[in-house]
Amino acid sequence: MYQSCFTFGGGDLVPTVEEYMLYFVARRFKQIEFTRELRGIANVFLGRI
């Protein structure tokens, strides 16, 4: 019988490949949005100088 070392209360805590991909895509999307926001703020301040 196979027993995972990442179990808690009978549930397997090892993320699937799909969960990993979703995590990395979400992180990348947040970075892109953050960069857009910073550019917008920089344009506002540079436009006032």
C-alpha atoms as a PDB file:
ATOM      1  CA  MET A   1       0.000   0.000   0.000  1.00  0.00           C
ATOM      2  CA  TYR A   2       1.297   3.447  -0.959  1.00  0.00           C
ATOM      3  CA  GLN A   3       1.442   6.055   1.761  1.00  0.00           C
ATOM      4  CA  SER A   4       2.373   9.676   1.038  1.00  0.00           C
ATOM      5  CA  CYS A   5       4.448  11.631   3.528  1.00  0.00           C
ATOM      6  CA  PHE A   6       2.363  14.749   2.789  1.00  0.00           C
ATOM      7  CA  THR A   7      -0.928  13.713   4.276  1.00  0.00           C
ATOM      8  CA  PHE A   8      -2.948  15.316   7.002  1.00  0.00           C
ATOM      9  CA  GLY A   9      -6.183  13.841   8.230  1.00  0.00           C
ATOM     10  CA  GLY A  10      -6.244  11.410   5.326  1.00  0.00           C
ATOM     11  CA  GLY A  11      -5.964  14.091   2.618  1.00  0.00           C
ATOM     12  CA  ASP A  12      -3.079  14.303   0.163  1.00  0.00           C
ATOM     13  CA  LEU A  13      -1.365  17.709   0.357  1.00  0.00           C
ATOM     14  CA  VAL A  14       0.865  17.287  -2.713  1.00  0.00           C
ATOM     15  CA  PRO A  15      -0.319  19.794  -5.336  1.00  0.00           C
ATOM     16  CA  THR A  16      -1.098  18.554  -8.814  1.00  0.00           C
ATOM     17  CA  VAL A  17       0.632  19.842 -11.943  1.00  0.00           C
ATOM     18  CA  GLU A  18      -2.479  21.871 -12.755  1.00  0.00           C
ATOM     19  CA  GLU A  19      -2.376  23.538  -9.325  1.00  0.00           C
ATOM     20  CA  TYR A  20       1.301  24.427  -9.798  1.00  0.00           C
ATOM     21  CA  MET A  21       0.594  25.904 -13.240  1.00  0.00           C
ATOM     22  CA  LEU A  22      -2.319  27.948 -11.906  1.00  0.00           C
ATOM     23  CA  TYR A  23      -0.090  29.279  -9.119  1.00  0.00           C
ATOM     24  CA  PHE A  24       2.663  30.388 -11.508  1.00  0.00           C
ATOM     25  CA  VAL A  25       0.241  31.908 -14.028  1.00  0.00           C
ATOM     26  CA  ALA A  26      -1.468  33.866 -11.231  1.00  0.00           C
ATOM     27  CA  ARG A  27       1.901  35.124  -9.959  1.00  0.00           C
ATOM     28  CA  ARG A  28       2.913  36.231 -13.450  1.00  0.00           C
ATOM     29  CA  PHE A  29      -0.407  38.015 -13.970  1.00  0.00           C
ATOM     30  CA  LYS A  30       0.029  39.898 -10.680  1.00  0.00           C
ATOM     31  CA  GLN A  31       3.528  40.973 -11.726  1.00  0.00           C
ATOM     32  CA  ILE A  32       2.235  42.288 -15.066  1.00  0.00           C
ATOM     33  CA  GLU A  33      -0.580  44.218 -13.370  1.00  0.00           C
ATOM     34  CA  PHE A  34       1.831  45.658 -10.799  1.00  0.00           C
ATOM     35  CA  THR A  35       4.191  46.791 -13.578  1.00  0.00           C
ATOM     36  CA  ARG A  36       1.306  48.481 -15.418  1.00  0.00           C
ATOM     37  CA  GLU A  37       0.280  50.298 -12.261  1.00  0.00           C
ATOM     38  CA  LEU A  38       3.837  51.488 -11.629  1.00  0.00           C
ATOM     39  CA  ARG A  39       4.136  52.752 -15.194  1.00  0.00           C
ATOM     40  CA  GLY A  40       0.873  54.635 -14.834  1.00  0.00           C
ATOM     41  CA  ILE A  41       2.019  56.265 -11.599  1.00  0.00           C
ATOM     42  CA  ALA A  42       5.413  57.122 -13.115  1.00  0.00           C
ATOM     43  CA  ASN A  43       3.740  58.693 -16.155  1.00  0.00           C
ATOM     44  CA  VAL A  44       1.580  60.865 -13.907  1.00  0.00           C
ATOM     45  CA  PHE A  45       4.568  62.115 -11.928  1.00  0.00           C
ATOM     46  CA  LEU A  46       6.814  62.550 -14.987  1.00  0.00           C
ATOM     47  CA  GLY A  47       4.060  64.436 -16.767  1.00  0.00           C
ATOM     48  CA  ARG A  48       3.915  66.977 -13.932  1.00  0.00           C
ATOM     49  CA  ILE A  49       7.654  67.705 -13.899  1.00  0.00           C
END
